Amino acid sequence: MDNKQHAAPVAPAAPAQETAPPPSYDSRQLLGRDGVAIITHQGQRYQLRQTKAGKLILTK
């Protein structure tokens, strides 16, 4: 007698949903010539600024 166990067939994976890429912004558009932008998130204000070295810093 054959005592081998047979695995149940595996259902094919559902096709991955394609999602739109996230919005993309050029930092110069956000920061303007002063290099500072205020971003409001869930009622809180954050300051996004560019340092002299060209890095971005987000502070509350």
Protein backbone atom coordinates (compact mmCIF):
# COMPACT_ATOMS: atom_id res chain seq x y z
CA MET A 1 0.00 0.00 0.00
CA ASP A 2 1.16 3.54 -0.74
CA ASN A 3 1.47 5.63 2.46
CA LYS A 4 2.63 8.85 0.80
CA GLN A 5 0.69 11.93 1.79
CA HIS A 6 -0.36 14.29 -0.94
CA ALA A 7 -0.33 18.05 -0.36
CA ALA A 8 -3.44 19.98 -1.22
CA PRO A 9 -3.07 21.97 -4.43
CA VAL A 10 -2.03 25.57 -3.88
CA ALA A 11 -4.26 28.25 -5.36
CA PRO A 12 -2.46 30.66 -7.69
CA ALA A 13 -1.56 33.99 -6.13
CA ALA A 14 -3.87 36.87 -6.88
CA PRO A 15 -2.40 39.29 -9.41
CA ALA A 16 -0.67 42.23 -7.75
CA GLN A 17 -2.64 45.44 -7.95
CA GLU A 18 -0.80 48.22 -9.66
CA THR A 19 -0.73 51.38 -7.60
CA ALA A 20 0.04 54.84 -8.80
CA PRO A 21 3.45 56.17 -7.82
CA PRO A 22 3.44 58.65 -4.94
CA PRO A 23 3.43 62.34 -5.82
CA SER A 24 6.86 63.79 -6.51
CA TYR A 25 7.89 67.40 -5.89
CA ASP A 26 11.08 69.26 -6.65
CA SER A 27 12.38 70.68 -3.37
CA ARG A 28 12.93 74.07 -5.02
CA GLN A 29 9.19 74.27 -5.68
CA LEU A 30 8.38 73.52 -2.04
CA LEU A 31 11.06 75.61 -0.38
CA GLY A 32 11.07 78.67 -2.63
CA ARG A 33 13.96 81.10 -2.64
CA ASP A 34 14.09 81.32 1.18
CA GLY A 35 14.65 77.56 1.51
CA VAL A 36 11.78 77.06 4.00
CA ALA A 37 8.31 75.50 3.75
CA ILE A 38 5.62 74.97 6.37
CA ILE A 39 3.83 71.62 6.15
CA THR A 40 0.65 70.92 8.11
CA HIS A 41 0.12 67.26 9.05
CA GLN A 42 -2.83 66.14 11.20
CA GLY A 43 -3.23 69.67 12.54
CA GLN A 44 0.45 70.02 13.46
CA ARG A 45 2.80 72.47 11.73
CA TYR A 46 6.25 71.32 10.62
CA GLN A 47 9.06 73.35 9.11
CA LEU A 48 11.01 71.87 6.21
CA ARG A 49 14.21 73.76 5.51
CA GLN A 50 17.37 73.38 3.52
CA THR A 51 20.72 73.65 5.31
CA LYS A 52 23.75 75.47 3.95
CA ALA A 53 25.12 72.04 3.01
CA GLY A 54 22.02 71.36 0.89
CA LYS A 55 20.45 68.80 3.26
CA LEU A 56 16.78 68.86 4.25
CA ILE A 57 15.64 69.08 7.86
CA LEU A 58 12.04 68.62 9.06
CA THR A 59 11.28 70.03 12.51
CA LYS A 60 8.13 70.41 14.55
